[in-house]
Amino acid sequence: MEEFRICLERQERERRERNRRADEVNELQRQVDEQVLIAVALEEEENQGCRHSSQAGRRRNVERHRHSRGKNLLEDYFIPTSLYSDVDFRRRFRMQPHLFNKVMHDICNYDAYFIQKCDAAGVLGLLPEQKLTAVIRMLAYGASADQVDEIARMGKSTTLEALVRFCQAVETLYTRDYLRRPTPRDLQRLLQKAEARGFPGMIGDYGYRKGQKSIILEAVAGFDTWVWHAFFGVAGSQNDLNVLGQSPVFNDVLRGQGPNVTYEVNNTVYQTGYYLADGIYPRWTTFVKSILNPRSQKEKLFATYQEGYRKDVERCFGILQARWLIIRGAARMFDEEILRSIMMTCIILHNMIVEDEYDYDALEVYEPDPMNTVLTRIYERPRGPNGDPFEPEPLVRDGHLMTRMIDRYTEMQSSYIHEMRQFHLMEHLWAVKGNED
């Protein structure tokens, strides 16, 4: 019996040892399974945050920590106690903070792409300030999309998409107001300044700018460098006359819808305004050119003032290129439509900055009242019996109405009127400015 009891005890100990070893193996297996599950879950979570990472051959997105960079950007520029002053903001963003906020507010209301929102994984996207900062840096500094990644923590494709959408939004929202025809009040201010300079009836300065292997920009600018007309898209291999032939700058004149400006110079009354231009342009009634090889004192004085005041448009081109370096450098392989949109956006933003910062209320050197003209009168658009603006009859190619446009075109090309107006302006300028020199 004693031997049987000892045998049972030994068998019990062996069973307990087998169970203990089995429990240890099961525990180790459970721990291994948990580690595998955790690793798989982490990998799946990482894959969900990386767009297109499941496709073979696609590189995973870089974690740019855009939220922390957005917070730093707000602390740098966009809070009342920002790190950098308004002067630094104006230098780096090319505009005052309140103008930037206005543009950002309008664009966010127009295009929801610029609003911060969650993606499919529930992660918050980029701030509007980050997207617009990247776009403005590309326009202002001519930087590539890869360069602004360090500033705004945005990928190349996102930055380029933001640039295209920004330009489209600016064109849609502001073209009507900031690339408009001069209103009667605008004309009054332009003509008052022209009279003070000795050129009654001058509306602006006409010119164009191009570089090597580029696209030509044709523009009309005023004394404050506001761009009243812009035409972009002619190949850079063409000269001034080819650009003038394709430009719509005088379409309103041919339709009979041009500004009705009446002024008297040297006892002669004229009914049309004009632009200052250089010598290559034709002798049309819409241009007043300088005198080639002036000899008399009157001719030299006229040439000096004409060439000096015509520099307004050249100064405008210089400011545009200095303010927006993207139009100064290479095209970076954008197609022609995007280049046109970028150019128009830069001009619209330039006009917005001029309107915001130019001191129109400052006292004029020549006359105390900036809206008082002595020699020039402007007529509002004619109105019909019901009080609505008079709509001119449309010009068509078939019928007698085409003759009117041909008559206006022939009158616009009259070299006789061009030379007579040049002579009368020279006499007027000598009478006004001759005693000052």
Protein backbone atom coordinates (compact mmCIF):
# COMPACT_ATOMS: atom_id res chain seq x y z
CA MET A 1 0.00 0.00 0.00
CA GLU A 2 2.82 2.36 0.78
CA GLU A 3 4.36 1.79 -2.61
CA PHE A 4 0.98 2.43 -4.33
CA ARG A 5 0.56 5.72 -2.46
CA ILE A 6 4.08 6.84 -3.45
CA CYS A 7 3.32 6.02 -7.10
CA LEU A 8 0.12 8.08 -7.07
CA GLU A 9 1.93 11.06 -5.55
CA ARG A 10 4.62 10.84 -8.23
CA GLN A 11 2.02 10.75 -10.98
CA GLU A 12 0.24 13.78 -9.46
CA ARG A 13 3.47 15.77 -9.35
CA GLU A 14 4.22 14.92 -13.00
CA ARG A 15 0.69 15.99 -14.05
CA ARG A 16 1.05 19.32 -12.24
CA GLU A 17 4.43 19.88 -13.87
CA ARG A 18 3.01 19.19 -17.32
CA ASN A 19 0.12 21.60 -16.67
CA ARG A 20 2.52 24.28 -15.43
CA ARG A 21 4.69 23.94 -18.51
CA ALA A 22 1.63 24.05 -20.78
CA ASP A 23 0.43 27.21 -19.04
CA GLU A 24 3.82 28.82 -19.54
CA VAL A 25 3.80 27.92 -23.24
CA ASN A 26 0.27 29.29 -23.62
CA GLU A 27 1.23 32.53 -21.85
CA LEU A 28 4.25 33.00 -24.09
CA GLN A 29 2.11 32.32 -27.17
CA ARG A 30 -0.52 34.83 -25.97
CA GLN A 31 2.13 37.50 -25.48
CA VAL A 32 3.54 36.85 -28.93
CA ASP A 33 0.06 37.10 -30.46
CA GLU A 34 -0.59 40.39 -28.67
CA GLN A 35 2.66 41.86 -29.97
CA VAL A 36 1.81 40.77 -33.49
CA LEU A 37 -1.65 42.30 -33.25
CA ILE A 38 -0.23 45.60 -31.93
CA ALA A 39 2.32 45.74 -34.74
CA VAL A 40 -0.35 45.06 -37.37
CA ALA A 41 -2.66 47.71 -35.88
CA LEU A 42 0.12 50.31 -35.88
CA GLU A 43 0.99 49.52 -39.45
CA GLU A 44 -2.64 49.77 -40.54
CA GLU A 45 -3.02 53.11 -38.73
CA GLU A 46 0.11 54.43 -40.42
CA ASN A 47 -1.13 53.25 -43.79
CA GLN A 48 -4.45 55.03 -43.28
CA GLY A 49 -2.65 58.34 -42.74
CA CYS A 50 -0.51 57.89 -45.88
CA ARG A 51 -2.54 58.51 -49.05
CA HIS A 52 -1.98 56.00 -51.85
CA SER A 53 0.55 54.09 -49.71
CA SER A 54 -1.17 50.81 -50.55
CA GLN A 55 -0.29 51.20 -54.23
CA ALA A 56 2.91 49.63 -55.37
CA GLY A 57 5.63 52.07 -56.38
CA ARG A 58 4.15 55.07 -54.53
CA ARG A 59 6.22 56.90 -51.97
CA ARG A 60 4.64 57.46 -48.60
CA ASN A 61 3.80 61.01 -47.60
CA VAL A 62 6.17 62.76 -45.25
CA GLU A 63 4.80 63.69 -41.85
CA ARG A 64 5.36 67.45 -42.03
CA HIS A 65 3.82 68.34 -38.65
CA ARG A 66 1.66 70.90 -40.41
CA HIS A 67 -0.39 71.61 -37.30
CA SER A 68 2.59 72.78 -35.26
CA ARG A 69 3.84 74.83 -38.22
CA GLY A 70 0.40 76.39 -38.64
CA LYS A 71 0.43 77.36 -34.96
CA ASN A 72 3.89 78.90 -35.34
CA LEU A 73 2.79 80.78 -38.45
CA LEU A 74 -0.15 82.29 -36.60
CA GLU A 75 2.13 83.33 -33.76
CA ASP A 76 4.57 84.87 -36.23
CA TYR A 77 2.15 87.04 -38.23
CA PHE A 78 -1.56 86.62 -37.55
CA ILE A 79 -2.25 87.36 -33.89
CA PRO A 80 -2.32 90.76 -32.14
CA THR A 81 0.90 89.98 -30.26
CA SER A 82 2.69 88.45 -33.27
CA LEU A 83 6.42 87.95 -33.32
CA TYR A 84 6.97 90.06 -36.45
CA SER A 85 5.69 93.61 -36.87
CA ASP A 86 3.41 94.98 -39.58
CA VAL A 87 6.48 96.37 -41.33
CA ASP A 88 7.91 92.86 -41.62
CA PHE A 89 4.53 91.58 -42.78
CA ARG A 90 4.33 94.28 -45.47
CA ARG A 91 7.81 93.48 -46.73
CA ARG A 92 7.30 89.72 -46.92
CA PHE A 93 3.67 89.59 -48.03
CA ARG A 94 3.82 92.74 -50.23
CA MET A 95 0.64 94.12 -48.62
CA GLN A 96 -0.71 95.33 -45.31
CA PRO A 97 -2.20 92.75 -42.87
CA HIS A 98 -5.75 94.10 -43.18
CA LEU A 99 -5.63 93.76 -46.98
CA PHE A 100 -4.30 90.20 -46.71
CA ASN A 101 -7.11 89.31 -44.28
CA LYS A 102 -9.68 90.81 -46.64
CA VAL A 103 -8.38 88.78 -49.58
CA MET A 104 -8.23 85.61 -47.46
CA HIS A 105 -11.80 86.11 -46.21
CA ASP A 106 -13.16 86.68 -49.71
CA ILE A 107 -11.33 83.72 -51.20
CA CYS A 108 -12.40 81.35 -48.41
CA ASN A 109 -16.01 82.39 -48.99
CA TYR A 110 -15.60 81.80 -52.71
CA ASP A 111 -13.66 78.52 -52.71
CA ALA A 112 -14.06 76.02 -49.86
CA TYR A 113 -10.71 74.49 -50.83
CA PHE A 114 -8.92 77.12 -48.71
CA ILE A 115 -11.00 76.44 -45.57
CA GLN A 116 -9.49 74.16 -42.95
CA LYS A 117 -11.44 70.92 -42.81
CA CYS A 118 -11.00 67.26 -41.90
CA ASP A 119 -9.93 64.67 -44.42
CA ALA A 120 -11.35 61.15 -44.83
CA ALA A 121 -9.33 59.93 -41.85
CA GLY A 122 -10.67 62.69 -39.61
CA VAL A 123 -7.38 64.59 -39.52
CA LEU A 124 -7.51 68.41 -39.69
CA GLY A 125 -6.01 69.89 -42.84
CA LEU A 126 -4.03 73.03 -43.53
CA LEU A 127 -5.00 76.47 -42.28
CA PRO A 128 -6.07 79.12 -44.81
CA GLU A 129 -3.10 81.20 -43.64
CA GLN A 130 -0.73 78.37 -44.57
CA LYS A 131 -2.14 77.99 -48.07
CA LEU A 132 -2.20 81.71 -48.82
CA THR A 133 1.26 82.21 -47.32
CA ALA A 134 2.65 79.56 -49.65
CA VAL A 135 0.93 81.17 -52.66
CA ILE A 136 2.06 84.71 -51.80
CA ARG A 137 5.65 83.54 -51.28
CA MET A 138 5.63 81.91 -54.69
CA LEU A 139 4.29 85.08 -56.31
CA ALA A 140 6.41 87.54 -54.34
CA TYR A 141 9.74 85.72 -54.32
CA GLY A 142 9.40 83.59 -57.43
CA ALA A 143 9.99 80.53 -55.27
CA SER A 144 9.27 77.01 -56.43
CA ALA A 145 6.69 74.80 -54.78
CA ASP A 146 9.47 72.78 -53.14
CA GLN A 147 10.98 75.88 -51.52
CA VAL A 148 7.81 76.97 -49.73
CA ASP A 149 7.49 73.49 -48.19
CA GLU A 150 9.81 74.64 -45.40
CA ILE A 151 7.61 77.68 -44.67
CA ALA A 152 4.08 76.28 -44.91
CA ARG A 153 4.68 72.51 -44.61
CA MET A 154 2.82 71.82 -47.85
CA GLY A 155 3.61 69.25 -50.48
CA LYS A 156 4.51 70.24 -54.03
CA SER A 157 1.23 69.13 -55.61
CA THR A 158 -0.81 70.85 -52.88
CA THR A 159 1.10 74.09 -53.29
CA LEU A 160 0.67 74.15 -57.06
CA GLU A 161 -3.03 73.40 -56.74
CA ALA A 162 -3.39 76.20 -54.21
CA LEU A 163 -1.59 78.61 -56.57
CA VAL A 164 -3.88 77.82 -59.51
CA ARG A 165 -7.03 78.02 -57.39
CA PHE A 166 -5.89 81.29 -55.80
CA CYS A 167 -5.31 82.92 -59.19
CA GLN A 168 -8.68 81.76 -60.47
CA ALA A 169 -10.42 83.09 -57.37
CA VAL A 170 -8.68 86.48 -57.53
CA GLU A 171 -9.57 86.87 -61.21
CA THR A 172 -13.20 85.96 -60.60
CA LEU A 173 -13.67 88.13 -57.52
CA TYR A 174 -11.70 91.28 -58.36
CA THR A 175 -11.42 91.69 -62.14
CA ARG A 176 -14.57 93.79 -62.31
CA ASP A 177 -13.33 96.30 -59.73
CA TYR A 178 -9.56 96.29 -60.18
CA LEU A 179 -9.24 95.88 -63.95
CA ARG A 180 -12.17 98.13 -64.75
CA ARG A 181 -12.49 100.92 -67.25
CA PRO A 182 -11.90 104.35 -65.73
CA THR A 183 -15.06 105.73 -64.16
CA PRO A 184 -15.91 109.44 -64.54
CA ARG A 185 -14.32 110.09 -61.16
CA ASP A 186 -11.21 108.16 -62.19
CA LEU A 187 -11.03 110.13 -65.41
CA GLN A 188 -11.44 113.37 -63.51
CA ARG A 189 -8.46 112.53 -61.33
CA LEU A 190 -6.33 111.38 -64.26
CA LEU A 191 -7.15 114.43 -66.36
CA GLN A 192 -6.56 116.82 -63.49
CA LYS A 193 -3.09 115.36 -63.00
CA ALA A 194 -2.45 115.50 -66.75
CA GLU A 195 -3.48 119.15 -66.88
CA ALA A 196 -1.15 119.97 -64.02
CA ARG A 197 1.65 118.32 -65.95
CA GLY A 198 0.87 120.33 -69.07
CA PHE A 199 -0.87 117.61 -71.10
CA PRO A 200 -4.65 118.28 -71.10
CA GLY A 201 -6.68 115.29 -72.26
CA MET A 202 -4.02 112.67 -71.44
CA ILE A 203 -5.61 109.50 -70.07
CA GLY A 204 -2.49 107.44 -69.37
CA ASP A 205 0.77 105.99 -70.67
CA TYR A 206 0.85 103.15 -73.18
CA GLY A 207 3.62 100.56 -73.32
CA TYR A 208 4.54 96.93 -73.20
CA ARG A 209 7.21 94.75 -71.64
CA LYS A 210 8.81 91.54 -72.79
CA GLY A 211 11.99 89.53 -72.32
CA GLN A 212 13.85 86.87 -74.23
CA LYS A 213 11.65 83.95 -75.28
CA SER A 214 8.73 85.34 -73.29
CA ILE A 215 5.12 86.42 -73.61
CA ILE A 216 4.39 90.12 -74.02
CA LEU A 217 2.45 92.18 -71.51
CA GLU A 218 0.77 95.28 -72.92
CA ALA A 219 -0.56 97.80 -70.41
CA VAL A 220 -1.92 101.30 -69.89
CA ALA A 221 -0.92 102.89 -66.57
CA GLY A 222 -1.71 106.13 -64.80
CA PHE A 223 0.43 108.51 -62.75
CA ASP A 224 -0.15 106.37 -59.62
CA THR A 225 0.99 103.18 -61.52
CA TRP A 226 -2.60 101.86 -61.49
CA VAL A 227 -2.99 99.51 -64.46
CA TRP A 228 -6.16 100.42 -66.39
CA HIS A 229 -5.68 97.98 -69.24
CA ALA A 230 -3.66 94.76 -69.53
CA PHE A 231 -3.32 92.45 -72.50
CA PHE A 232 -1.19 89.33 -72.07
CA GLY A 233 -0.66 86.44 -74.43
CA VAL A 234 1.22 87.60 -77.53
CA ALA A 235 4.39 85.70 -78.30
CA GLY A 236 7.59 87.52 -77.36
CA SER A 237 8.99 87.30 -80.89
CA GLN A 238 6.60 90.01 -82.10
CA ASN A 239 7.26 93.75 -82.04
CA ASP A 240 5.23 96.72 -80.83
CA LEU A 241 3.16 97.11 -83.98
CA ASN A 242 2.16 93.44 -84.07
CA VAL A 243 1.07 93.64 -80.44
CA LEU A 244 -0.90 96.82 -81.11
CA GLY A 245 -2.67 95.12 -84.02
CA GLN A 246 -3.84 92.26 -81.77
CA SER A 247 -4.67 94.33 -78.69
CA PRO A 248 -8.27 95.20 -77.75
CA VAL A 249 -7.18 98.49 -76.15
CA PHE A 250 -8.97 100.64 -78.76
CA ASN A 251 -12.02 98.45 -79.27
CA ASP A 252 -14.21 100.80 -77.24
CA VAL A 253 -13.11 103.70 -79.43
CA LEU A 254 -14.06 101.81 -82.57
CA ARG A 255 -17.43 100.87 -81.08
CA GLY A 256 -18.11 104.46 -80.15
CA GLN A 257 -18.03 103.66 -76.43
CA GLY A 258 -14.80 105.46 -75.55
CA PRO A 259 -14.75 108.18 -72.89
CA ASN A 260 -16.15 111.46 -74.18
CA VAL A 261 -13.42 113.93 -73.22
CA THR A 262 -13.51 117.53 -74.43
CA TYR A 263 -10.61 119.92 -73.91
CA GLU A 264 -9.16 123.03 -75.50
CA VAL A 265 -5.46 123.41 -76.29
CA ASN A 266 -4.01 126.46 -78.00
CA ASN A 267 -7.51 127.68 -78.94
CA THR A 268 -8.36 124.32 -80.56
CA VAL A 269 -11.05 121.98 -79.20
CA TYR A 270 -10.48 118.20 -79.21
CA GLN A 271 -13.03 115.50 -78.48
CA THR A 272 -10.85 112.43 -77.76
CA GLY A 273 -8.28 111.57 -75.14
CA TYR A 274 -4.83 110.18 -75.87
CA TYR A 275 -1.97 108.16 -74.43
CA LEU A 276 1.71 109.03 -74.26
CA ALA A 277 3.77 106.56 -76.29
CA ASP A 278 7.28 106.15 -77.65
CA GLY A 279 8.42 106.69 -81.19
CA ILE A 280 7.83 103.26 -82.71
CA TYR A 281 4.04 103.50 -82.55
CA PRO A 282 2.07 104.89 -85.52
CA ARG A 283 0.94 108.51 -85.75
CA TRP A 284 -2.60 107.89 -84.59
CA THR A 285 -4.91 110.35 -82.88
CA THR A 286 -4.86 108.14 -79.77
CA PHE A 287 -1.10 108.63 -79.29
CA VAL A 288 1.10 111.61 -78.53
CA LYS A 289 4.73 110.82 -79.22
CA SER A 290 7.95 112.62 -78.54
CA ILE A 291 9.82 114.67 -81.16
CA LEU A 292 12.73 112.96 -82.84
CA ASN A 293 15.90 115.08 -82.81
CA PRO A 294 14.35 118.24 -81.32
CA ARG A 295 16.06 121.47 -82.32
CA SER A 296 14.19 124.49 -80.96
CA GLN A 297 13.72 125.20 -77.27
CA LYS A 298 10.01 124.42 -77.53
CA GLU A 299 10.69 121.04 -79.11
CA LYS A 300 13.33 120.18 -76.53
CA LEU A 301 11.02 121.17 -73.67
CA PHE A 302 8.16 119.13 -75.12
CA ALA A 303 10.39 116.08 -75.70
CA THR A 304 11.77 116.31 -72.17
CA TYR A 305 8.35 116.44 -70.49
CA GLN A 306 6.76 113.85 -72.79
CA GLU A 307 9.56 111.34 -72.28
CA GLY A 308 9.60 112.02 -68.55
CA TYR A 309 5.87 111.55 -68.02
CA ARG A 310 5.79 108.51 -70.31
CA LYS A 311 8.00 106.76 -67.76
CA ASP A 312 4.93 106.16 -65.59
CA VAL A 313 4.19 102.94 -67.45
CA GLU A 314 7.85 101.90 -67.30
CA ARG A 315 7.84 102.63 -63.57
CA CYS A 316 4.72 100.49 -63.30
CA PHE A 317 6.45 97.59 -65.06
CA GLY A 318 9.42 97.97 -62.73
CA ILE A 319 7.23 97.92 -59.62
CA LEU A 320 5.37 94.86 -60.89
CA GLN A 321 8.58 92.95 -61.47
CA ALA A 322 10.07 94.01 -58.15
CA ARG A 323 6.91 93.23 -56.18
CA TRP A 324 6.06 89.91 -57.87
CA LEU A 325 9.25 88.12 -58.85
CA ILE A 326 7.35 85.21 -60.36
CA ILE A 327 6.66 87.30 -63.49
CA ARG A 328 10.32 88.21 -63.71
CA GLY A 329 11.81 84.74 -63.77
CA ALA A 330 11.31 81.61 -65.81
CA ALA A 331 7.82 80.28 -66.53
CA ARG A 332 8.53 77.02 -64.64
CA MET A 333 6.73 74.98 -67.30
CA PHE A 334 3.26 76.40 -66.63
CA ASP A 335 0.93 76.33 -69.61
CA GLU A 336 -0.11 79.58 -71.28
CA GLU A 337 -3.50 79.87 -69.57
CA ILE A 338 -1.97 79.50 -66.09
CA LEU A 339 0.69 82.06 -67.00
CA ARG A 340 -2.03 84.48 -68.08
CA SER A 341 -3.93 83.87 -64.85
CA ILE A 342 -0.79 84.45 -62.77
CA MET A 343 -0.04 87.69 -64.63
CA MET A 344 -3.59 89.02 -64.22
CA THR A 345 -3.53 88.06 -60.53
CA CYS A 346 -0.30 89.98 -59.96
CA ILE A 347 -1.74 93.05 -61.71
CA ILE A 348 -4.99 92.89 -59.71
CA LEU A 349 -3.10 92.55 -56.42
CA HIS A 350 -0.85 95.43 -57.51
CA ASN A 351 -3.89 97.64 -58.10
CA MET A 352 -5.34 96.63 -54.73
CA ILE A 353 -2.10 97.63 -53.02
CA VAL A 354 -2.04 100.94 -54.91
CA GLU A 355 -5.62 101.68 -53.85
CA ASP A 356 -4.82 100.77 -50.25
CA GLU A 357 -1.54 102.67 -49.88
CA TYR A 358 -1.56 105.54 -52.38
CA ASP A 359 -2.42 108.86 -50.78
CA TYR A 360 -5.00 110.29 -53.15
CA ASP A 361 -6.09 112.89 -50.59
CA ALA A 362 -2.69 114.51 -50.35
CA LEU A 363 -2.58 118.11 -51.50
CA GLU A 364 -1.57 118.49 -55.11
CA VAL A 365 1.41 120.64 -55.89
CA TYR A 366 -0.34 122.37 -58.75
CA GLU A 367 -3.97 122.73 -57.61
CA PRO A 368 -5.47 122.45 -54.11
CA ASP A 369 -8.60 120.68 -55.35
CA PRO A 370 -7.66 117.27 -56.87
CA MET A 371 -11.07 116.93 -58.54
CA ASN A 372 -11.13 120.38 -60.20
CA THR A 373 -10.17 120.58 -63.86
CA VAL A 374 -9.90 123.83 -65.74
CA LEU A 375 -9.40 122.84 -69.34
CA THR A 376 -11.01 119.40 -69.54
CA ARG A 377 -14.64 118.36 -69.26
CA ILE A 378 -15.93 114.79 -68.96
CA TYR A 379 -19.38 113.73 -70.00
CA GLU A 380 -21.26 110.89 -68.44
CA ARG A 381 -22.45 108.10 -70.65
CA PRO A 382 -25.49 109.32 -72.66
CA ARG A 383 -28.86 108.34 -71.22
CA GLY A 384 -32.09 107.60 -73.03
CA PRO A 385 -35.61 108.99 -72.40
CA ASN A 386 -36.25 106.47 -69.61
CA GLY A 387 -33.09 107.46 -67.75
CA ASP A 388 -31.16 104.26 -68.51
CA PRO A 389 -27.70 104.47 -70.09
CA PHE A 390 -27.91 104.75 -73.83
CA GLU A 391 -26.82 101.54 -75.57
CA PRO A 392 -25.16 102.16 -78.94
CA GLU A 393 -26.31 100.15 -81.89
CA PRO A 394 -24.27 96.97 -82.34
CA LEU A 395 -21.68 96.92 -85.10
CA VAL A 396 -22.07 94.00 -87.48
CA ARG A 397 -20.14 93.03 -90.55
CA ASP A 398 -23.18 93.02 -92.75
CA GLY A 399 -25.12 96.24 -93.36
CA HIS A 400 -24.54 99.95 -93.08
CA LEU A 401 -23.43 99.85 -89.42
CA MET A 402 -20.01 98.52 -90.45
CA THR A 403 -19.35 101.85 -92.16
CA ARG A 404 -19.37 103.65 -88.80
CA MET A 405 -16.59 101.51 -87.41
CA ILE A 406 -14.56 102.01 -90.58
CA ASP A 407 -15.03 105.78 -90.27
CA ARG A 408 -13.90 105.71 -86.64
CA TYR A 409 -10.90 103.57 -87.53
CA THR A 410 -9.93 105.94 -90.34
CA GLU A 411 -10.30 108.93 -88.03
CA MET A 412 -8.20 107.21 -85.37
CA GLN A 413 -5.39 106.71 -87.92
CA SER A 414 -5.36 110.37 -88.99
CA SER A 415 -1.74 111.55 -88.92
CA TYR A 416 -2.87 115.13 -89.55
CA ILE A 417 -4.80 115.29 -86.26
CA HIS A 418 -1.88 113.59 -84.53
CA GLU A 419 0.60 116.22 -85.76
CA MET A 420 -1.74 119.14 -85.06
CA ARG A 421 -2.39 117.98 -81.52
CA GLN A 422 1.32 117.47 -80.94
CA PHE A 423 2.01 121.00 -82.16
CA HIS A 424 -0.75 122.51 -80.03
CA LEU A 425 0.40 120.61 -76.95
CA MET A 426 3.95 121.81 -77.55
CA GLU A 427 2.74 125.42 -77.70
CA HIS A 428 0.59 124.94 -74.60
CA LEU A 429 3.41 123.30 -72.66
CA TRP A 430 5.79 126.10 -73.61
CA ALA A 431 3.28 128.68 -72.38
CA VAL A 432 2.75 126.81 -69.09
CA LYS A 433 6.23 125.42 -68.34
CA GLY A 434 8.53 127.51 -70.49
CA ASN A 435 9.09 130.18 -67.87
CA GLU A 436 9.92 127.61 -65.18
CA ASP A 437 13.08 126.38 -66.92
